[in-house]
Amino acid sequence: VDFLGAAGVAGSRLAPEERTAALAPPLIFAADAVRVPEDARCVGAEVAAAGAATAAQPAGQAAAAADDEVAWEALRGALDGWMDRLRSELRLAPSSFAEESAEWAAGGLRGSLDGFASPAVEWGVRYANEAAESGGGGGGAALGSAGAKSVGVNLWLTSRLPVPHMTLYVGVRAGRATLMADHLPRFDLGERPEHVAAFYGGEQASRWSAAQRVKGLTPFRSSDPSVRALQGPNALALHGAAADPHAVSALVAELHRHAGTWLGWVRTTPLLDDGAEAEAVRARDWSLRAALRDHERAAGERFMGPDVAATLSASMAGPELRAEDGARAEPLAWRPGAGGD
């Protein structure tokens, strides 16, 4: 109003007693009704357009938030459905090792981490985090995305069961839904072509290729070469619009396929005999977990500080595998039968 008054468009400037009054965005449209000189008519239109954009923002943000929530419930529900099933079928028992990370908050994030173990699973975790809803002020939401949510599962198998480890992660952030999933190798694949054929070749390779071409999904890769060096040949990293139900459904379908395939391997793959081969697998497993621990700690320090990052990364990696513990031998006579689905 001061601007229009100074330009001679409005009859007067803003009265002093009105300077502290609250103005609802729709009232800005009143500027469009101001009588203006012919050579200044654009002023009212521009102010009205600004008002329209301002008024439209809350509605657009609400719709985007609703889309994110629908996508999140679909992805989280699928992952937690599998976690419940695996907890039962693999007899995963809660572990106290990660209890100090059960709930945490740092750098605009809050989250949880639960640890598990069983005769088949040396170490398993379900972890989740969520960014703060409001981004104002000095704290802000970490990662630059208020309301971002994610949940993941890592299952590290016993050394006697030479099936790839499984990782699953889903998240929704700023209108984008993401799935990352991997079957982490247990051997040097260059030395064990039979491992490639059993777990990564044939139908698995074809399915991976098909997933890269699903309409509405975009594949991506980690920018960190130390992470890519540890991944399996068929590691999945896909994202799509949270507002696109077809893209979200495709991500859910890939998650089901990834977990279902892995459980089939756990049911049917012959065990290794206790001995040198199992110990070699155990040593490699710990090297892999330690490498990921160090990566996660370094990455986390940037936005949650060194102390929280060190605690969480250690909880993710689990208790150290020591040679004197021996390979677990109780094993898997009880494991899920091949007749299940």
Protein backbone atom coordinates (compact mmCIF):
# COMPACT_ATOMS: atom_id res chain seq x y z
CA VAL A 1 0.00 0.00 0.00
CA ASP A 2 2.87 2.37 0.77
CA PHE A 3 4.33 1.62 -2.65
CA LEU A 4 1.04 2.27 -4.45
CA GLY A 5 0.49 5.48 -2.48
CA ALA A 6 3.97 6.77 -3.25
CA ALA A 7 3.43 6.02 -6.94
CA GLY A 8 0.19 8.01 -6.96
CA VAL A 9 -1.90 4.92 -7.68
CA ALA A 10 -3.60 4.63 -4.29
CA GLY A 11 -5.15 7.65 -2.61
CA SER A 12 -2.98 7.48 0.52
CA ARG A 13 -0.32 5.48 2.19
CA LEU A 14 -0.91 2.94 4.98
CA ALA A 15 -2.23 4.50 8.19
CA PRO A 16 0.17 4.11 11.15
CA GLU A 17 -2.35 2.16 13.24
CA GLU A 18 -2.71 -0.39 10.44
CA ARG A 19 0.96 -1.22 10.11
CA THR A 20 0.78 -4.00 12.71
CA ALA A 21 -2.50 -5.48 11.47
CA ALA A 22 -2.49 -9.05 10.15
CA LEU A 23 -3.32 -9.31 6.46
CA ALA A 24 -4.74 -12.53 5.04
CA PRO A 25 -3.29 -13.41 1.60
CA PRO A 26 -6.69 -13.24 -0.19
CA LEU A 27 -6.97 -9.54 0.70
CA ILE A 28 -4.04 -8.82 -1.59
CA PHE A 29 -6.46 -9.37 -4.48
CA ALA A 30 -8.00 -6.02 -3.57
CA ALA A 31 -5.04 -4.37 -5.28
CA ASP A 32 -6.45 -5.45 -8.61
CA ALA A 33 -9.51 -3.24 -8.07
CA VAL A 34 -7.47 -0.06 -7.52
CA ARG A 35 -7.99 2.59 -10.22
CA VAL A 36 -4.60 3.19 -11.78
CA PRO A 37 -3.30 5.37 -14.60
CA GLU A 38 -3.15 3.72 -18.02
CA ASP A 39 0.64 3.63 -17.99
CA ALA A 40 0.74 1.88 -14.58
CA ARG A 41 -2.08 -0.66 -14.90
CA CYS A 42 0.40 -3.56 -14.66
CA VAL A 43 1.01 -2.74 -10.99
CA GLY A 44 -2.36 -4.02 -9.80
CA ALA A 45 -2.15 -7.14 -11.96
CA GLU A 46 1.32 -7.99 -10.73
CA VAL A 47 0.37 -7.55 -7.08
CA ALA A 48 -2.76 -9.65 -7.62
CA ALA A 49 -0.71 -12.40 -9.28
CA ALA A 50 1.68 -12.39 -6.34
CA GLY A 51 -1.26 -12.71 -3.99
CA ALA A 52 -2.69 -15.61 -5.98
CA ALA A 53 0.64 -17.45 -5.84
CA THR A 54 0.92 -16.82 -2.11
CA ALA A 55 -2.59 -18.09 -1.45
CA ALA A 56 -2.05 -21.17 -3.63
CA GLN A 57 1.11 -22.30 -1.85
CA PRO A 58 -0.50 -23.81 1.26
CA ALA A 59 -2.96 -25.84 -0.81
CA GLY A 60 -0.20 -27.13 -3.06
CA GLN A 61 2.00 -28.00 -0.14
CA ALA A 62 -0.83 -29.85 1.56
CA ALA A 63 -1.51 -31.91 -1.56
CA ALA A 64 2.18 -32.78 -1.94
CA ALA A 65 2.39 -33.75 1.72
CA ALA A 66 -0.66 -36.00 1.31
CA ASP A 67 0.94 -37.71 -1.71
CA ASP A 68 4.14 -38.25 0.26
CA GLU A 69 2.20 -39.79 3.14
CA VAL A 70 0.31 -42.21 0.89
CA ALA A 71 3.55 -43.33 -0.77
CA TRP A 72 5.26 -43.63 2.60
CA GLU A 73 2.53 -45.82 4.07
CA ALA A 74 2.68 -48.13 1.05
CA LEU A 75 6.47 -48.51 1.13
CA ARG A 76 6.85 -48.67 4.90
CA GLY A 77 3.96 -51.13 5.15
CA ALA A 78 5.56 -53.44 2.58
CA LEU A 79 8.96 -53.38 4.29
CA ASP A 80 7.57 -53.86 7.79
CA GLY A 81 5.32 -56.64 6.54
CA TRP A 82 8.44 -58.48 5.41
CA MET A 83 10.24 -57.67 8.63
CA ASP A 84 7.40 -59.22 10.64
CA ARG A 85 7.45 -62.31 8.47
CA LEU A 86 11.22 -62.71 8.64
CA ARG A 87 11.22 -62.13 12.38
CA SER A 88 8.89 -65.12 12.70
CA GLU A 89 10.34 -67.44 10.08
CA LEU A 90 14.01 -66.84 10.96
CA ARG A 91 13.33 -66.73 14.71
CA LEU A 92 14.90 -63.31 15.10
CA ALA A 93 15.25 -62.47 18.78
CA PRO A 94 15.79 -58.90 20.08
CA SER A 95 19.39 -58.10 20.99
CA SER A 96 20.56 -55.72 23.69
CA PHE A 97 23.71 -54.81 21.75
CA ALA A 98 22.10 -51.80 20.07
CA GLU A 99 19.89 -50.67 22.95
CA GLU A 100 21.71 -47.31 23.29
CA SER A 101 20.59 -46.53 19.74
CA ALA A 102 16.99 -47.60 20.28
CA GLU A 103 15.87 -43.97 20.09
CA TRP A 104 18.01 -41.00 19.11
CA ALA A 105 17.80 -37.40 17.92
CA ALA A 106 20.44 -35.17 16.33
CA GLY A 107 20.86 -32.53 13.64
CA GLY A 108 17.16 -32.11 12.93
CA LEU A 109 16.62 -35.88 12.71
CA ARG A 110 15.07 -38.37 15.07
CA GLY A 111 15.10 -42.11 14.69
CA SER A 112 15.12 -45.61 16.08
CA LEU A 113 17.19 -48.76 15.70
CA ASP A 114 16.35 -52.32 16.77
CA GLY A 115 18.87 -55.17 16.72
CA PHE A 116 18.17 -58.88 16.24
CA ALA A 117 20.00 -62.20 16.03
CA SER A 118 19.17 -65.87 15.48
CA PRO A 119 20.96 -69.10 14.57
CA ALA A 120 20.56 -68.13 10.91
CA VAL A 121 21.16 -64.37 11.22
CA GLU A 122 24.41 -63.25 12.83
CA TRP A 123 23.15 -59.68 13.07
CA GLY A 124 20.05 -57.88 11.86
CA VAL A 125 18.79 -54.33 12.25
CA ARG A 126 15.65 -52.39 11.49
CA TYR A 127 16.43 -48.68 11.46
CA ALA A 128 14.26 -45.64 10.79
CA ASN A 129 14.67 -41.88 10.76
CA GLU A 130 12.52 -38.86 10.16
CA ALA A 131 13.37 -35.22 9.52
CA ALA A 132 11.79 -32.45 11.58
CA GLU A 133 8.49 -31.19 10.18
CA SER A 134 9.35 -27.49 10.42
CA GLY A 135 12.36 -26.07 8.67
CA GLY A 136 12.47 -22.63 10.25
CA GLY A 137 15.10 -21.38 12.64
CA GLY A 138 18.66 -22.40 13.22
CA GLY A 139 18.04 -26.11 13.81
CA GLY A 140 16.14 -26.82 10.64
CA ALA A 141 15.53 -30.20 9.12
CA ALA A 142 18.62 -32.16 8.29
CA LEU A 143 19.23 -33.02 4.67
CA GLY A 144 17.22 -29.96 3.61
CA SER A 145 13.91 -31.78 3.57
CA ALA A 146 11.36 -31.28 6.33
CA GLY A 147 9.15 -34.32 6.79
CA ALA A 148 11.47 -36.80 5.03
CA LYS A 149 11.04 -40.37 6.29
CA SER A 150 12.93 -43.61 5.73
CA VAL A 151 13.20 -47.13 7.10
CA GLY A 152 15.58 -49.96 6.32
CA VAL A 153 16.50 -53.54 7.20
CA ASN A 154 19.92 -55.21 7.07
CA LEU A 155 20.21 -58.98 7.66
CA TRP A 156 23.72 -60.44 7.96
CA LEU A 157 23.64 -64.22 7.78
CA THR A 158 25.67 -66.78 9.69
CA SER A 159 28.87 -67.92 8.01
CA ARG A 160 27.52 -71.44 7.54
CA LEU A 161 24.72 -70.22 5.27
CA PRO A 162 26.44 -69.00 2.06
CA VAL A 163 23.51 -66.91 0.82
CA PRO A 164 24.02 -63.20 0.06
CA HIS A 165 23.19 -60.85 2.92
CA MET A 166 20.07 -58.76 2.34
CA THR A 167 19.55 -55.02 2.65
CA LEU A 168 16.31 -53.11 2.09
CA TYR A 169 15.65 -49.38 2.33
CA VAL A 170 12.62 -47.24 1.46
CA GLY A 171 12.14 -43.52 1.87
CA VAL A 172 10.03 -40.56 0.84
CA ARG A 173 11.47 -37.09 0.59
CA ALA A 174 10.20 -33.93 -1.07
CA GLY A 175 7.87 -35.71 -3.49
CA ARG A 176 10.27 -38.52 -4.34
CA ALA A 177 9.81 -42.17 -3.33
CA THR A 178 12.94 -44.34 -3.18
CA LEU A 179 13.82 -48.02 -2.96
CA MET A 180 17.33 -49.35 -2.44
CA ALA A 181 17.91 -53.09 -2.12
CA ASP A 182 20.90 -55.39 -2.40
CA HIS A 183 22.02 -58.99 -2.09
CA LEU A 184 25.57 -58.51 -0.78
CA PRO A 185 28.11 -61.13 -1.97
CA ARG A 186 29.69 -63.53 0.52
CA PHE A 187 32.67 -64.41 -1.69
CA ASP A 188 35.01 -62.82 -4.19
CA LEU A 189 32.81 -63.27 -7.24
CA GLY A 190 35.79 -63.46 -9.57
CA GLU A 191 36.90 -66.59 -7.74
CA ARG A 192 33.45 -68.13 -7.30
CA PRO A 193 31.59 -68.17 -10.62
CA GLU A 194 29.14 -70.69 -9.17
CA HIS A 195 28.07 -68.04 -6.66
CA VAL A 196 27.41 -65.62 -9.51
CA ALA A 197 25.38 -68.22 -11.38
CA ALA A 198 23.34 -69.21 -8.31
CA PHE A 199 22.46 -65.74 -7.03
CA TYR A 200 23.09 -63.11 -9.70
CA GLY A 201 22.91 -64.64 -13.15
CA GLY A 202 20.09 -65.97 -15.30
CA GLU A 203 16.64 -64.88 -14.19
CA GLN A 204 18.05 -62.57 -11.50
CA ALA A 205 20.11 -60.66 -14.05
CA SER A 206 17.10 -60.40 -16.37
CA ARG A 207 14.88 -59.08 -13.60
CA TRP A 208 17.50 -56.50 -12.62
CA SER A 209 17.73 -55.29 -16.21
CA ALA A 210 13.95 -55.05 -16.45
CA ALA A 211 13.79 -53.00 -13.25
CA GLN A 212 16.06 -50.38 -14.80
CA ARG A 213 13.48 -49.75 -17.51
CA VAL A 214 10.23 -49.52 -15.54
CA LYS A 215 8.18 -46.54 -16.69
CA GLY A 216 8.08 -43.83 -14.05
CA LEU A 217 11.18 -45.06 -12.20
CA THR A 218 14.69 -43.67 -12.48
CA PRO A 219 17.73 -45.78 -11.54
CA PHE A 220 20.66 -44.16 -9.75
CA ARG A 221 23.91 -45.16 -8.05
CA SER A 222 25.85 -44.07 -5.00
CA SER A 223 28.39 -41.35 -5.70
CA ASP A 224 30.79 -43.03 -3.25
CA PRO A 225 33.07 -45.59 -4.96
CA SER A 226 33.80 -47.29 -1.63
CA VAL A 227 30.09 -48.14 -1.36
CA ARG A 228 29.76 -49.28 -4.97
CA ALA A 229 32.77 -51.58 -4.47
CA LEU A 230 30.88 -53.52 -1.79
CA GLN A 231 27.56 -53.84 -3.59
CA GLY A 232 26.26 -56.88 -5.42
CA PRO A 233 25.98 -57.03 -9.22
CA ASN A 234 22.20 -56.62 -9.02
CA ALA A 235 22.00 -53.83 -6.44
CA LEU A 236 18.80 -51.82 -6.91
CA ALA A 237 18.50 -48.07 -6.47
CA LEU A 238 15.29 -46.62 -7.93
CA HIS A 239 13.14 -43.58 -7.35
CA GLY A 240 9.90 -42.20 -8.73
CA ALA A 241 7.34 -39.51 -8.03
CA ALA A 242 5.51 -40.07 -4.76
CA ALA A 243 2.39 -38.67 -6.44
CA ASP A 244 2.50 -41.39 -9.14
CA PRO A 245 0.67 -44.48 -7.84
CA HIS A 246 2.08 -46.62 -10.65
CA ALA A 247 5.65 -45.70 -9.70
CA VAL A 248 5.00 -46.43 -6.03
CA SER A 249 3.36 -49.76 -6.88
CA ALA A 250 6.37 -50.69 -9.01
CA LEU A 251 8.71 -49.95 -6.10
CA VAL A 252 6.59 -52.08 -3.77
CA ALA A 253 6.61 -54.94 -6.30
CA GLU A 254 10.41 -54.80 -6.54
CA LEU A 255 10.69 -54.87 -2.76
CA HIS A 256 8.48 -57.99 -2.57
CA ARG A 257 10.50 -59.69 -5.30
CA HIS A 258 13.82 -58.87 -3.65
CA ALA A 259 12.80 -60.16 -0.21
CA GLY A 260 10.91 -63.19 -1.52
CA THR A 261 13.83 -64.32 -3.66
CA TRP A 262 16.21 -64.03 -0.73
CA LEU A 263 13.98 -66.02 1.62
CA GLY A 264 13.81 -68.78 -0.99
CA TRP A 265 17.60 -68.97 -1.01
CA VAL A 266 17.71 -69.11 2.80
CA ARG A 267 15.30 -72.05 2.76
CA THR A 268 17.09 -74.16 0.17
CA THR A 269 20.82 -73.36 -0.04
CA PRO A 270 23.04 -76.12 1.38
CA LEU A 271 25.05 -75.23 4.47
CA LEU A 272 28.82 -75.02 4.59
CA ASP A 273 30.61 -77.46 6.83
CA ASP A 274 32.22 -75.95 9.91
CA GLY A 275 35.85 -75.36 9.12
CA ALA A 276 38.19 -73.24 7.10
CA GLU A 277 35.65 -72.22 4.46
CA ALA A 278 33.11 -71.01 7.01
CA GLU A 279 35.81 -69.10 8.86
CA ALA A 280 36.91 -67.43 5.63
CA VAL A 281 33.31 -66.35 5.03
CA ARG A 282 33.10 -65.05 8.59
CA ALA A 283 36.25 -62.96 8.18
CA ARG A 284 35.01 -61.49 4.92
CA ASP A 285 31.61 -60.75 6.46
CA TRP A 286 33.17 -58.73 9.26
CA SER A 287 35.41 -56.82 6.86
CA LEU A 288 32.32 -55.86 4.88
CA ARG A 289 30.38 -54.78 7.96
CA ALA A 290 33.34 -52.80 9.29
CA ALA A 291 33.80 -51.00 5.95
CA LEU A 292 30.13 -50.00 5.90
CA ARG A 293 30.36 -48.93 9.55
CA ASP A 294 33.26 -46.62 8.78
CA HIS A 295 31.45 -45.16 5.76
CA GLU A 296 28.24 -44.54 7.72
CA ARG A 297 30.14 -42.94 10.58
CA ALA A 298 31.97 -40.54 8.27
CA ALA A 299 28.79 -39.64 6.40
CA GLY A 300 26.78 -39.17 9.60
CA GLU A 301 29.30 -36.84 11.24
CA ARG A 302 28.36 -34.09 8.81
CA PHE A 303 24.83 -33.66 10.11
CA MET A 304 24.54 -35.45 13.47
CA GLY A 305 27.96 -34.94 15.05
CA PRO A 306 30.75 -37.45 15.74
CA ASP A 307 29.35 -38.99 18.93
CA VAL A 308 25.90 -39.91 17.62
CA ALA A 309 27.37 -40.99 14.27
CA ALA A 310 29.86 -43.32 15.98
CA THR A 311 27.19 -44.88 18.19
CA LEU A 312 24.70 -45.44 15.37
CA SER A 313 27.26 -46.82 12.91
CA ALA A 314 28.54 -49.28 15.52
CA SER A 315 24.99 -50.42 16.25
CA MET A 316 24.33 -50.88 12.53
CA ALA A 317 27.44 -53.04 12.16
CA GLY A 318 26.64 -55.17 15.20
CA PRO A 319 28.97 -57.08 17.54
CA GLU A 320 32.36 -57.91 16.14
CA LEU A 321 32.75 -61.42 14.73
CA ARG A 322 35.60 -63.09 16.58
CA ALA A 323 37.35 -66.26 15.47
CA GLU A 324 37.28 -67.70 19.01
CA ASP A 325 33.48 -67.65 18.92
CA GLY A 326 33.50 -70.34 16.25
CA ALA A 327 30.97 -70.79 13.46
CA ARG A 328 27.45 -71.28 14.75
CA ALA A 329 26.53 -74.90 14.55
CA GLU A 330 23.03 -75.09 16.03
CA PRO A 331 21.84 -74.15 12.97
CA LEU A 332 19.35 -74.44 10.63
CA ALA A 333 17.70 -77.78 10.98
CA TRP A 334 14.66 -75.76 11.95
CA ARG A 335 14.91 -73.23 9.13
CA PRO A 336 11.82 -72.49 7.00
CA GLY A 337 10.87 -75.39 4.79
CA ALA A 338 11.08 -75.18 1.02
CA GLY A 339 7.35 -75.76 0.75
CA GLY A 340 6.44 -72.26 2.03
CA ASP A 341 5.72 -69.34 -0.27
